[in-house]
């Protein structure tokens, strides 16, 4: 890796095989649509976002989502992260009593803001 370079392998998809597998290859244009796929250590896609070329992606949001997925995985599903959650903020405890009542948690924990 070159100093200041990207700290992970990058690939080129010159025929669109990877893009086709993920459903983002535009065969007419010969390019992939911008996409982000979060794949867990078991190889399961946990999240994805596909945007048309005029709209940029938000790296900060990608990092936040990775942190949230890591926390949920480490907790073995005993914690869930509300919209906009950041490390150190309150989490939710999944369960049937939470269904339809998430707003009460938001009201109780202003830290979700």
PDB file of N, CA and C in Angstrom:
ATOM      1  N   UNK A   1       0.850  -1.183   0.000  1.00  0.00           N
ATOM      2  CA  UNK A   1       0.000   0.000   0.000  1.00  0.00           C
ATOM      3  C   UNK A   1       0.890   1.239   0.000  1.00  0.00           C
ATOM      4  N   UNK A   2       0.528   2.204  -0.780  1.00  0.00           N
ATOM      5  CA  UNK A   2       1.233   3.475  -0.852  1.00  0.00           C
ATOM      6  C   UNK A   2       0.797   4.346   0.321  1.00  0.00           C
ATOM      7  N   UNK A   3       1.739   5.080   0.905  1.00  0.00           N
ATOM      8  CA  UNK A   3       1.398   5.974   2.024  1.00  0.00           C
ATOM      9  C   UNK A   3       0.238   6.871   1.634  1.00  0.00           C
ATOM     10  N   UNK A   4      -0.758   6.921   2.499  1.00  0.00           N
ATOM     11  CA  UNK A   4      -1.939   7.745   2.229  1.00  0.00           C
ATOM     12  C   UNK A   4      -2.943   7.081   1.304  1.00  0.00           C
ATOM     13  N   UNK A   5      -2.662   5.849   0.897  1.00  0.00           N
ATOM     14  CA  UNK A   5      -3.556   5.143  -0.016  1.00  0.00           C
ATOM     15  C   UNK A   5      -4.719   4.478   0.687  1.00  0.00           C
ATOM     16  N   UNK A   6      -5.485   3.737  -0.065  1.00  0.00           N
ATOM     17  CA  UNK A   6      -6.654   3.028   0.461  1.00  0.00           C
ATOM     18  C   UNK A   6      -6.167   1.793   1.216  1.00  0.00           C
ATOM     19  N   UNK A   7      -6.595   1.598   2.482  1.00  0.00           N
ATOM     20  CA  UNK A   7      -6.073   0.506   3.301  1.00  0.00           C
ATOM     21  C   UNK A   7      -6.746  -0.850   3.091  1.00  0.00           C
ATOM     22  N   UNK A   8      -7.356  -1.065   1.933  1.00  0.00           N
ATOM     23  CA  UNK A   8      -7.991  -2.335   1.645  1.00  0.00           C
ATOM     24  C   UNK A   8      -7.926  -2.582   0.147  1.00  0.00           C
ATOM     25  N   UNK A   9      -8.045  -3.849  -0.276  1.00  0.00           N
ATOM     26  CA  UNK A   9      -7.975  -4.141  -1.712  1.00  0.00           C
ATOM     27  C   UNK A   9      -9.132  -3.508  -2.471  1.00  0.00           C
ATOM     28  N   UNK A  10      -8.859  -3.056  -3.667  1.00  0.00           N
ATOM     29  CA  UNK A  10      -9.906  -2.523  -4.543  1.00  0.00           C
ATOM     30  C   UNK A  10      -9.931  -3.403  -5.783  1.00  0.00           C
ATOM     31  N   UNK A  11     -11.049  -3.425  -6.471  1.00  0.00           N
ATOM     32  CA  UNK A  11     -11.147  -4.245  -7.669  1.00  0.00           C
ATOM     33  C   UNK A  11     -11.712  -3.446  -8.825  1.00  0.00           C
ATOM     34  N   UNK A  12     -11.480  -3.982  -9.986  1.00  0.00           N
ATOM     35  CA  UNK A  12     -12.063  -3.411 -11.195  1.00  0.00           C
ATOM     36  C   UNK A  12     -13.016  -4.464 -11.738  1.00  0.00           C
ATOM     37  N   UNK A  13     -14.179  -4.032 -12.163  1.00  0.00           N
ATOM     38  CA  UNK A  13     -15.206  -4.974 -12.637  1.00  0.00           C
ATOM     39  C   UNK A  13     -15.420  -4.779 -14.129  1.00  0.00           C
ATOM     40  N   UNK A  14     -14.370  -4.902 -14.915  1.00  0.00           N
ATOM     41  CA  UNK A  14     -14.440  -4.629 -16.369  1.00  0.00           C
ATOM     42  C   UNK A  14     -15.448  -5.494 -17.091  1.00  0.00           C
ATOM     43  N   UNK A  15     -16.235  -6.094 -17.109  1.00  0.00           N
ATOM     44  CA  UNK A  15     -17.251  -6.881 -17.736  1.00  0.00           C
ATOM     45  C   UNK A  15     -18.557  -6.894 -16.961  1.00  0.00           C
ATOM     46  N   UNK A  16     -18.553  -6.307 -15.780  1.00  0.00           N
ATOM     47  CA  UNK A  16     -19.773  -6.175 -15.016  1.00  0.00           C
ATOM     48  C   UNK A  16     -20.236  -7.422 -14.285  1.00  0.00           C
ATOM     49  N   UNK A  17     -19.342  -8.424 -14.114  1.00  0.00           N
ATOM     50  CA  UNK A  17     -19.779  -9.656 -13.441  1.00  0.00           C
ATOM     51  C   UNK A  17     -20.193  -9.410 -11.984  1.00  0.00           C
ATOM     52  N   UNK A  18     -19.404  -8.649 -11.248  1.00  0.00           N
ATOM     53  CA  UNK A  18     -19.739  -8.367  -9.845  1.00  0.00           C
ATOM     54  C   UNK A  18     -20.990  -7.487  -9.781  1.00  0.00           C
ATOM     55  N   UNK A  19     -21.016  -6.440 -10.605  1.00  0.00           N
ATOM     56  CA  UNK A  19     -22.173  -5.544 -10.645  1.00  0.00           C
ATOM     57  C   UNK A  19     -23.455  -6.271 -11.019  1.00  0.00           C
ATOM     58  N   UNK A  20     -23.353  -7.230 -11.938  1.00  0.00           N
ATOM     59  CA  UNK A  20     -24.522  -8.016 -12.329  1.00  0.00           C
ATOM     60  C   UNK A  20     -24.994  -8.877 -11.151  1.00  0.00           C
ATOM     61  N   UNK A  21     -24.044  -9.497 -10.432  1.00  0.00           N
ATOM     62  CA  UNK A  21     -24.398 -10.336  -9.287  1.00  0.00           C
ATOM     63  C   UNK A  21     -25.130  -9.535  -8.213  1.00  0.00           C
ATOM     64  N   UNK A  22     -24.759  -8.265  -8.058  1.00  0.00           N
ATOM     65  CA  UNK A  22     -25.389  -7.415  -7.038  1.00  0.00           C
ATOM     66  C   UNK A  22     -26.533  -6.564  -7.601  1.00  0.00           C
ATOM     67  N   UNK A  23     -26.834  -6.727  -8.872  1.00  0.00           N
ATOM     68  CA  UNK A  23     -27.969  -6.032  -9.469  1.00  0.00           C
ATOM     69  C   UNK A  23     -27.764  -4.550  -9.716  1.00  0.00           C
ATOM     70  N   UNK A  24     -26.502  -4.117  -9.865  1.00  0.00           N
ATOM     71  CA  UNK A  24     -26.240  -2.697 -10.071  1.00  0.00           C
ATOM     72  C   UNK A  24     -25.553  -2.401 -11.403  1.00  0.00           C
ATOM     73  N   UNK A  25     -25.379  -3.408 -12.238  1.00  0.00           N
ATOM     74  CA  UNK A  25     -24.701  -3.193 -13.518  1.00  0.00           C
ATOM     75  C   UNK A  25     -25.678  -2.681 -14.564  1.00  0.00           C
ATOM     76  N   UNK A  26     -25.329  -1.581 -15.209  1.00  0.00           N
ATOM     77  CA  UNK A  26     -26.114  -1.005 -16.298  1.00  0.00           C
ATOM     78  C   UNK A  26     -25.449  -1.441 -17.598  1.00  0.00           C
ATOM     79  N   UNK A  27     -25.961  -2.496 -18.186  1.00  0.00           N
ATOM     80  CA  UNK A  27     -25.376  -3.056 -19.404  1.00  0.00           C
ATOM     81  C   UNK A  27     -25.357  -2.086 -20.572  1.00  0.00           C
ATOM     82  N   UNK A  28     -26.384  -1.243 -20.697  1.00  0.00           N
ATOM     83  CA  UNK A  28     -26.431  -0.276 -21.799  1.00  0.00           C
ATOM     84  C   UNK A  28     -25.299   0.739 -21.696  1.00  0.00           C
ATOM     85  N   UNK A  29     -25.004   1.183 -20.488  1.00  0.00           N
ATOM     86  CA  UNK A  29     -23.943   2.172 -20.282  1.00  0.00           C
ATOM     87  C   UNK A  29     -22.587   1.502 -20.044  1.00  0.00           C
ATOM     88  N   UNK A  30     -22.593   0.210 -19.697  1.00  0.00           N
ATOM     89  CA  UNK A  30     -21.353  -0.507 -19.441  1.00  0.00           C
ATOM     90  C   UNK A  30     -20.692  -0.150 -18.121  1.00  0.00           C
ATOM     91  N   UNK A  31     -21.493   0.312 -17.157  1.00  0.00           N
ATOM     92  CA  UNK A  31     -20.955   0.695 -15.838  1.00  0.00           C
ATOM     93  C   UNK A  31     -21.919   0.263 -14.738  1.00  0.00           C
ATOM     94  N   UNK A  32     -21.404   0.253 -13.506  1.00  0.00           N
ATOM     95  CA  UNK A  32     -22.251  -0.021 -12.349  1.00  0.00           C
ATOM     96  C   UNK A  32     -22.864   1.274 -11.840  1.00  0.00           C
ATOM     97  N   UNK A  33     -24.071   1.161 -11.310  1.00  0.00           N
ATOM     98  CA  UNK A  33     -24.675   2.259 -10.576  1.00  0.00           C
ATOM     99  C   UNK A  33     -23.973   2.303  -9.230  1.00  0.00           C
ATOM    100  N   UNK A  34     -23.849   3.484  -8.661  1.00  0.00           N
ATOM    101  CA  UNK A  34     -23.172   3.598  -7.366  1.00  0.00           C
ATOM    102  C   UNK A  34     -23.919   2.797  -6.316  1.00  0.00           C
ATOM    103  N   UNK A  35     -23.188   1.947  -5.623  1.00  0.00           N
ATOM    104  CA  UNK A  35     -23.820   1.127  -4.606  1.00  0.00           C
ATOM    105  C   UNK A  35     -22.886   0.880  -3.444  1.00  0.00           C
ATOM    106  N   UNK A  36     -23.484   0.623  -2.297  1.00  0.00           N
ATOM    107  CA  UNK A  36     -22.750   0.294  -1.079  1.00  0.00           C
ATOM    108  C   UNK A  36     -23.433  -0.915  -0.473  1.00  0.00           C
ATOM    109  N   UNK A  37     -22.647  -1.934  -0.182  1.00  0.00           N
ATOM    110  CA  UNK A  37     -23.180  -3.166   0.378  1.00  0.00           C
ATOM    111  C   UNK A  37     -22.427  -3.469   1.664  1.00  0.00           C
ATOM    112  N   UNK A  38     -23.152  -3.642   2.774  1.00  0.00           N
ATOM    113  CA  UNK A  38     -22.538  -4.019   4.037  1.00  0.00           C
ATOM    114  C   UNK A  38     -22.765  -5.516   4.216  1.00  0.00           C
ATOM    115  N   UNK A  39     -21.657  -6.254   4.204  1.00  0.00           N
ATOM    116  CA  UNK A  39     -21.696  -7.711   4.244  1.00  0.00           C
ATOM    117  C   UNK A  39     -21.058  -8.169   5.552  1.00  0.00           C
ATOM    118  N   UNK A  40     -21.772  -8.975   6.319  1.00  0.00           N
ATOM    119  CA  UNK A  40     -21.254  -9.395   7.625  1.00  0.00           C
ATOM    120  C   UNK A  40     -20.197 -10.492   7.467  1.00  0.00           C
ATOM    121  N   UNK A  41     -19.522 -10.856   8.560  1.00  0.00           N
ATOM    122  CA  UNK A  41     -18.477 -11.881   8.477  1.00  0.00           C
ATOM    123  C   UNK A  41     -18.972 -13.241   7.982  1.00  0.00           C
ATOM    124  N   UNK A  42     -20.273 -13.481   8.030  1.00  0.00           N
ATOM    125  CA  UNK A  42     -20.837 -14.734   7.525  1.00  0.00           C
ATOM    126  C   UNK A  42     -21.180 -14.657   6.040  1.00  0.00           C
ATOM    127  N   UNK A  43     -20.899 -13.495   5.413  1.00  0.00           N
ATOM    128  CA  UNK A  43     -21.170 -13.324   3.992  1.00  0.00           C
ATOM    129  C   UNK A  43     -22.597 -12.919   3.678  1.00  0.00           C
ATOM    130  N   UNK A  44     -23.351 -12.486   4.666  1.00  0.00           N
ATOM    131  CA  UNK A  44     -24.754 -12.099   4.473  1.00  0.00           C
ATOM    132  C   UNK A  44     -24.843 -10.586   4.320  1.00  0.00           C
ATOM    133  N   UNK A  45     -25.515 -10.137   3.274  1.00  0.00           N
ATOM    134  CA  UNK A  45     -25.719  -8.704   3.070  1.00  0.00           C
ATOM    135  C   UNK A  45     -26.690  -8.211   4.132  1.00  0.00           C
ATOM    136  N   UNK A  46     -26.231  -7.306   4.986  1.00  0.00           N
ATOM    137  CA  UNK A  46     -27.053  -6.755   6.049  1.00  0.00           C
ATOM    138  C   UNK A  46     -27.701  -5.433   5.631  1.00  0.00           C
ATOM    139  N   UNK A  47     -27.073  -4.721   4.691  1.00  0.00           N
ATOM    140  CA  UNK A  47     -27.622  -3.439   4.237  1.00  0.00           C
ATOM    141  C   UNK A  47     -27.056  -3.127   2.863  1.00  0.00           C
ATOM    142  N   UNK A  48     -27.818  -2.387   2.100  1.00  0.00           N
ATOM    143  CA  UNK A  48     -27.297  -1.899   0.833  1.00  0.00           C
ATOM    144  C   UNK A  48     -27.993  -0.604   0.475  1.00  0.00           C
ATOM    145  N   UNK A  49     -27.305   0.175  -0.329  1.00  0.00           N
ATOM    146  CA  UNK A  49     -27.851   1.445  -0.801  1.00  0.00           C
ATOM    147  C   UNK A  49     -27.359   1.631  -2.228  1.00  0.00           C
ATOM    148  N   UNK A  50     -28.270   1.922  -3.126  1.00  0.00           N
ATOM    149  CA  UNK A  50     -27.926   2.150  -4.521  1.00  0.00           C
ATOM    150  C   UNK A  50     -28.443   3.522  -4.902  1.00  0.00           C
ATOM    151  N   UNK A  51     -27.554   4.339  -5.441  1.00  0.00           N
ATOM    152  CA  UNK A  51     -27.900   5.713  -5.795  1.00  0.00           C
ATOM    153  C   UNK A  51     -27.624   5.979  -7.268  1.00  0.00           C
ATOM    154  N   UNK A  52     -28.420   6.836  -7.864  1.00  0.00           N
ATOM    155  CA  UNK A  52     -28.146   7.237  -9.237  1.00  0.00           C
ATOM    156  C   UNK A  52     -26.947   8.189  -9.243  1.00  0.00           C
ATOM    157  N   UNK A  53     -26.227   8.275 -10.355  1.00  0.00           N
ATOM    158  CA  UNK A  53     -24.982   9.053 -10.390  1.00  0.00           C
ATOM    159  C   UNK A  53     -25.027  10.491  -9.871  1.00  0.00           C
ATOM    160  N   UNK A  54     -26.110  11.242 -10.021  1.00  0.00           N
ATOM    161  CA  UNK A  54     -26.028  12.622  -9.540  1.00  0.00           C
ATOM    162  C   UNK A  54     -26.048  12.785  -8.024  1.00  0.00           C
ATOM    163  N   UNK A  55     -26.299  11.702  -7.285  1.00  0.00           N
ATOM    164  CA  UNK A  55     -26.415  11.807  -5.828  1.00  0.00           C
ATOM    165  C   UNK A  55     -25.223  11.101  -5.181  1.00  0.00           C
ATOM    166  N   UNK A  56     -24.520  11.827  -4.314  1.00  0.00           N
ATOM    167  CA  UNK A  56     -23.356  11.267  -3.637  1.00  0.00           C
ATOM    168  C   UNK A  56     -23.721  10.459  -2.416  1.00  0.00           C
ATOM    169  N   UNK A  57     -22.769   9.664  -1.965  1.00  0.00           N
ATOM    170  CA  UNK A  57     -22.951   8.844  -0.771  1.00  0.00           C
ATOM    171  C   UNK A  57     -22.369   9.556   0.437  1.00  0.00           C
ATOM    172  N   UNK A  58     -22.752   9.096   1.628  1.00  0.00           N
ATOM    173  CA  UNK A  58     -22.286   9.703   2.869  1.00  0.00           C
ATOM    174  C   UNK A  58     -21.444   8.671   3.628  1.00  0.00           C
ATOM    175  N   UNK A  59     -20.124   8.845   3.606  1.00  0.00           N
ATOM    176  CA  UNK A  59     -19.228   7.900   4.251  1.00  0.00           C
ATOM    177  C   UNK A  59     -19.481   7.850   5.756  1.00  0.00           C
ATOM    178  N   UNK A  60     -19.779   9.001   6.363  1.00  0.00           N
ATOM    179  CA  UNK A  60     -20.069   9.032   7.794  1.00  0.00           C
ATOM    180  C   UNK A  60     -21.247   8.152   8.155  1.00  0.00           C
ATOM    181  N   UNK A  61     -22.278   8.147   7.318  1.00  0.00           N
ATOM    182  CA  UNK A  61     -23.449   7.296   7.570  1.00  0.00           C
ATOM    183  C   UNK A  61     -23.086   5.831   7.395  1.00  0.00           C
ATOM    184  N   UNK A  62     -22.249   5.528   6.431  1.00  0.00           N
ATOM    185  CA  UNK A  62     -21.807   4.142   6.241  1.00  0.00           C
ATOM    186  C   UNK A  62     -21.067   3.650   7.483  1.00  0.00           C
ATOM    187  N   UNK A  63     -20.170   4.466   8.021  1.00  0.00           N
ATOM    188  CA  UNK A  63     -19.408   4.096   9.211  1.00  0.00           C
ATOM    189  C   UNK A  63     -20.347   3.918  10.406  1.00  0.00           C
ATOM    190  N   UNK A  64     -21.332   4.828  10.548  1.00  0.00           N
ATOM    191  CA  UNK A  64     -22.299   4.716  11.643  1.00  0.00           C
ATOM    192  C   UNK A  64     -23.060   3.396  11.542  1.00  0.00           C
ATOM    193  N   UNK A  65     -23.479   3.037  10.353  1.00  0.00           N
ATOM    194  CA  UNK A  65     -24.219   1.788  10.184  1.00  0.00           C
ATOM    195  C   UNK A  65     -23.347   0.569  10.476  1.00  0.00           C
ATOM    196  N   UNK A  66     -22.092   0.604  10.055  1.00  0.00           N
ATOM    197  CA  UNK A  66     -21.182  -0.504  10.363  1.00  0.00           C
ATOM    198  C   UNK A  66     -21.047  -0.645  11.873  1.00  0.00           C
ATOM    199  N   UNK A  67     -20.873   0.463  12.581  1.00  0.00           N
ATOM    200  CA  UNK A  67     -20.765   0.424  14.045  1.00  0.00           C
ATOM    201  C   UNK A  67     -22.038  -0.142  14.667  1.00  0.00           C
ATOM    202  N   UNK A  68     -23.184   0.237  14.140  1.00  0.00           N
ATOM    203  CA  UNK A  68     -24.457  -0.269  14.664  1.00  0.00           C
ATOM    204  C   UNK A  68     -24.591  -1.767  14.422  1.00  0.00           C
ATOM    205  N   UNK A  69     -24.255  -2.221  13.214  1.00  0.00           N
ATOM    206  CA  UNK A  69     -24.329  -3.657  12.923  1.00  0.00           C
ATOM    207  C   UNK A  69     -23.354  -4.438  13.793  1.00  0.00           C
ATOM    208  N   UNK A  70     -22.169  -3.884  14.034  1.00  0.00           N
ATOM    209  CA  UNK A  70     -21.200  -4.551  14.904  1.00  0.00           C
ATOM    210  C   UNK A  70     -21.742  -4.681  16.328  1.00  0.00           C
ATOM    211  N   UNK A  71     -22.342  -3.607  16.852  1.00  0.00           N
ATOM    212  CA  UNK A  71     -22.893  -3.653  18.207  1.00  0.00           C
ATOM    213  C   UNK A  71     -23.995  -4.702  18.313  1.00  0.00           C
ATOM    214  N   UNK A  72     -24.894  -4.718  17.351  1.00  0.00           N
ATOM    215  CA  UNK A  72     -25.996  -5.688  17.372  1.00  0.00           C
ATOM    216  C   UNK A  72     -25.447  -7.111  17.291  1.00  0.00           C
ATOM    217  N   UNK A  73     -24.453  -7.316  16.427  1.00  0.00           N
ATOM    218  CA  UNK A  73     -23.853  -8.656  16.292  1.00  0.00           C
ATOM    219  C   UNK A  73     -23.168  -9.068  17.590  1.00  0.00           C
ATOM    220  N   UNK A  74     -22.374  -8.160  18.177  1.00  0.00           N
ATOM    221  CA  UNK A  74     -21.667  -8.470  19.420  1.00  0.00           C
ATOM    222  C   UNK A  74     -22.631  -8.763  20.570  1.00  0.00           C
ATOM    223  N   UNK A  75     -23.809  -8.106  20.552  1.00  0.00           N
ATOM    224  CA  UNK A  75     -24.794  -8.332  21.619  1.00  0.00           C
ATOM    225  C   UNK A  75     -25.636  -9.581  21.362  1.00  0.00           C
ATOM    226  N   UNK A  76     -25.365 -10.240  20.237  1.00  0.00           N
ATOM    227  CA  UNK A  76     -26.128 -11.429  19.829  1.00  0.00           C
ATOM    228  C   UNK A  76     -27.623 -11.129  19.730  1.00  0.00           C
ATOM    229  N   UNK A  77     -27.936  -9.906  19.276  1.00  0.00           N
ATOM    230  CA  UNK A  77     -29.321  -9.519  19.048  1.00  0.00           C
ATOM    231  C   UNK A  77     -30.073  -9.046  20.270  1.00  0.00           C
ATOM    232  N   UNK A  78     -29.388  -8.890  21.409  1.00  0.00           N
ATOM    233  CA  UNK A  78     -30.082  -8.415  22.606  1.00  0.00           C
ATOM    234  C   UNK A  78     -30.216  -6.897  22.623  1.00  0.00           C
ATOM    235  N   UNK A  79     -29.550  -6.213  21.682  1.00  0.00           N
ATOM    236  CA  UNK A  79     -29.655  -4.762  21.572  1.00  0.00           C
ATOM    237  C   UNK A  79     -29.998  -4.412  20.126  1.00  0.00           C
ATOM    238  N   UNK A  80     -30.725  -3.333  19.975  1.00  0.00           N
ATOM    239  CA  UNK A  80     -31.045  -2.794  18.651  1.00  0.00           C
ATOM    240  C   UNK A  80     -30.717  -1.306  18.687  1.00  0.00           C
ATOM    241  N   UNK A  81     -30.395  -0.765  17.530  1.00  0.00           N
ATOM    242  CA  UNK A  81     -30.029   0.647  17.477  1.00  0.00           C
ATOM    243  C   UNK A  81     -31.122   1.443  16.785  1.00  0.00           C
ATOM    244  N   UNK A  82     -31.599   2.502  17.412  1.00  0.00           N
ATOM    245  CA  UNK A  82     -32.622   3.328  16.784  1.00  0.00           C
ATOM    246  C   UNK A  82     -32.035   4.165  15.650  1.00  0.00           C
ATOM    247  N   UNK A  83     -32.895   4.770  14.881  1.00  0.00           N
ATOM    248  CA  UNK A  83     -32.486   5.645  13.790  1.00  0.00           C
ATOM    249  C   UNK A  83     -31.522   6.714  14.292  1.00  0.00           C
ATOM    250  N   UNK A  84     -30.420   6.884  13.591  1.00  0.00           N
ATOM    251  CA  UNK A  84     -29.461   7.914  13.958  1.00  0.00           C
ATOM    252  C   UNK A  84     -28.567   7.559  15.132  1.00  0.00           C
ATOM    253  N   UNK A  85     -28.665   6.336  15.648  1.00  0.00           N
ATOM    254  CA  UNK A  85     -27.856   5.916  16.791  1.00  0.00           C
ATOM    255  C   UNK A  85     -26.375   6.136  16.508  1.00  0.00           C
ATOM    256  N   UNK A  86     -25.658   6.510  17.544  1.00  0.00           N
ATOM    257  CA  UNK A  86     -24.195   6.673  17.502  1.00  0.00           C
ATOM    258  C   UNK A  86     -23.598   5.910  18.682  1.00  0.00           C
ATOM    259  N   UNK A  87     -22.337   5.448  18.559  1.00  0.00           N
ATOM    260  CA  UNK A  87     -21.698   4.757  19.682  1.00  0.00           C
ATOM    261  C   UNK A  87     -21.785   5.585  20.968  1.00  0.00           C
ATOM    262  N   UNK A  88     -22.130   4.906  22.048  1.00  0.00           N
ATOM    263  CA  UNK A  88     -22.261   5.572  23.344  1.00  0.00           C
ATOM    264  C   UNK A  88     -23.679   6.038  23.642  1.00  0.00           C
ATOM    265  N   UNK A  89     -24.544   6.060  22.653  1.00  0.00           N
ATOM    266  CA  UNK A  89     -25.941   6.464  22.862  1.00  0.00           C
ATOM    267  C   UNK A  89     -26.758   5.251  23.292  1.00  0.00           C
ATOM    268  N   UNK A  90     -27.938   5.483  23.878  1.00  0.00           N
ATOM    269  CA  UNK A  90     -28.781   4.360  24.325  1.00  0.00           C
ATOM    270  C   UNK A  90     -29.201   3.458  23.174  1.00  0.00           C
ATOM    271  N   UNK A  91     -29.376   2.201  23.491  1.00  0.00           N
ATOM    272  CA  UNK A  91     -29.882   1.230  22.526  1.00  0.00           C
ATOM    273  C   UNK A  91     -31.268   0.778  22.972  1.00  0.00           C
ATOM    274  N   UNK A  92     -31.903   0.009  22.149  1.00  0.00           N
ATOM    275  CA  UNK A  92     -33.216  -0.552  22.469  1.00  0.00           C
ATOM    276  C   UNK A  92     -33.055  -2.040  22.760  1.00  0.00           C
ATOM    277  N   UNK A  93     -33.951  -2.588  23.546  1.00  0.00           N
ATOM    278  CA  UNK A  93     -33.984  -4.025  23.833  1.00  0.00           C
ATOM    279  C   UNK A  93     -35.124  -4.622  23.027  1.00  0.00           C
ATOM    280  N   UNK A  94     -34.794  -5.387  21.979  1.00  0.00           N
ATOM    281  CA  UNK A  94     -35.854  -5.969  21.153  1.00  0.00           C
ATOM    282  C   UNK A  94     -36.769  -6.875  21.970  1.00  0.00           C
ATOM    283  N   UNK A  95     -38.027  -6.862  21.628  1.00  0.00           N
ATOM    284  CA  UNK A  95     -39.002  -7.732  22.286  1.00  0.00           C
ATOM    285  C   UNK A  95     -40.402  -7.332  21.891  1.00  0.00           C
ATOM    286  N   UNK A  96     -41.338  -8.182  22.192  1.00  0.00           N
ATOM    287  CA  UNK A  96     -42.727  -7.913  21.809  1.00  0.00           C
ATOM    288  C   UNK A  96     -43.277  -6.670  22.497  1.00  0.00           C
ATOM    289  N   UNK A  97     -42.766  -6.336  23.691  1.00  0.00           N
ATOM    290  CA  UNK A  97     -43.254  -5.148  24.384  1.00  0.00           C
ATOM    291  C   UNK A  97     -42.810  -3.853  23.700  1.00  0.00           C
ATOM    292  N   UNK A  98     -41.822  -3.945  22.816  1.00  0.00           N
ATOM    293  CA  UNK A  98     -41.328  -2.760  22.098  1.00  0.00           C
ATOM    294  C   UNK A  98     -42.172  -2.455  20.859  1.00  0.00           C
ATOM    295  N   UNK A  99     -42.848  -3.474  20.334  1.00  0.00           N
ATOM    296  CA  UNK A  99     -43.652  -3.301  19.123  1.00  0.00           C
ATOM    297  C   UNK A  99     -44.727  -2.245  19.359  1.00  0.00           C
ATOM    298  N   UNK A 100     -44.718  -1.218  18.538  1.00  0.00           N
ATOM    299  CA  UNK A 100     -45.685  -0.137  18.649  1.00  0.00           C
ATOM    300  C   UNK A 100     -45.375   0.855  19.754  1.00  0.00           C
ATOM    301  N   UNK A 101     -44.294   0.638  20.488  1.00  0.00           N
ATOM    302  CA  UNK A 101     -43.965   1.497  21.621  1.00  0.00           C
ATOM    303  C   UNK A 101     -42.599   2.172  21.517  1.00  0.00           C
ATOM    304  N   UNK A 102     -41.965   2.102  20.365  1.00  0.00           N
ATOM    305  CA  UNK A 102     -40.643   2.704  20.208  1.00  0.00           C
ATOM    306  C   UNK A 102     -40.707   4.194  20.528  1.00  0.00           C
ATOM    307  N   UNK A 103     -41.793   4.838  20.190  1.00  0.00           N
ATOM    308  CA  UNK A 103     -41.927   6.284  20.450  1.00  0.00           C
ATOM    309  C   UNK A 103     -41.797   6.595  21.939  1.00  0.00           C
ATOM    310  N   UNK A 104     -42.246   5.660  22.802  1.00  0.00           N
ATOM    311  CA  UNK A 104     -42.119   5.886  24.242  1.00  0.00           C
ATOM    312  C   UNK A 104     -40.647   5.906  24.659  1.00  0.00           C
ATOM    313  N   UNK A 105     -39.855   5.034  24.035  1.00  0.00           N
ATOM    314  CA  UNK A 105     -38.417   5.020  24.311  1.00  0.00           C
ATOM    315  C   UNK A 105     -37.781   6.332  23.844  1.00  0.00           C
ATOM    316  N   UNK A 106     -38.191   6.811  22.668  1.00  0.00           N
ATOM    317  CA  UNK A 106     -37.657   8.074  22.144  1.00  0.00           C
ATOM    318  C   UNK A 106     -37.988   9.212  23.112  1.00  0.00           C
ATOM    319  N   UNK A 107     -39.225   9.194  23.622  1.00  0.00           N
ATOM    320  CA  UNK A 107     -39.669  10.249  24.524  1.00  0.00           C
ATOM    321  C   UNK A 107     -38.895  10.194  25.852  1.00  0.00           C
ATOM    322  N   UNK A 108     -38.638   8.978  26.319  1.00  0.00           N
ATOM    323  CA  UNK A 108     -37.928   8.786  27.586  1.00  0.00           C
ATOM    324  C   UNK A 108     -36.453   9.128  27.451  1.00  0.00           C
ATOM    325  N   UNK A 109     -35.858   8.760  26.329  1.00  0.00           N
ATOM    326  CA  UNK A 109     -34.406   8.957  26.133  1.00  0.00           C
ATOM    327  C   UNK A 109     -34.161  10.035  25.081  1.00  0.00           C
ATOM    328  N   UNK A 110     -34.081  11.255  25.506  1.00  0.00           N
ATOM    329  CA  UNK A 110     -33.826  12.339  24.555  1.00  0.00           C
ATOM    330  C   UNK A 110     -32.475  12.159  23.877  1.00  0.00           C
ATOM    331  N   UNK A 111     -31.633  11.248  24.381  1.00  0.00           N
ATOM    332  CA  UNK A 111     -30.307  11.005  23.794  1.00  0.00           C
ATOM    333  C   UNK A 111     -30.407  10.381  22.412  1.00  0.00           C
ATOM    334  N   UNK A 112     -31.604   9.903  22.016  1.00  0.00           N
ATOM    335  CA  UNK A 112     -31.755   9.348  20.674  1.00  0.00           C
ATOM    336  C   UNK A 112     -31.700  10.442  19.623  1.00  0.00           C
ATOM    337  N   UNK A 113     -31.865  11.678  20.018  1.00  0.00           N
ATOM    338  CA  UNK A 113     -31.877  12.784  19.058  1.00  0.00           C
ATOM    339  C   UNK A 113     -30.545  12.931  18.379  1.00  0.00           C
TER     340      UNK A 113
END
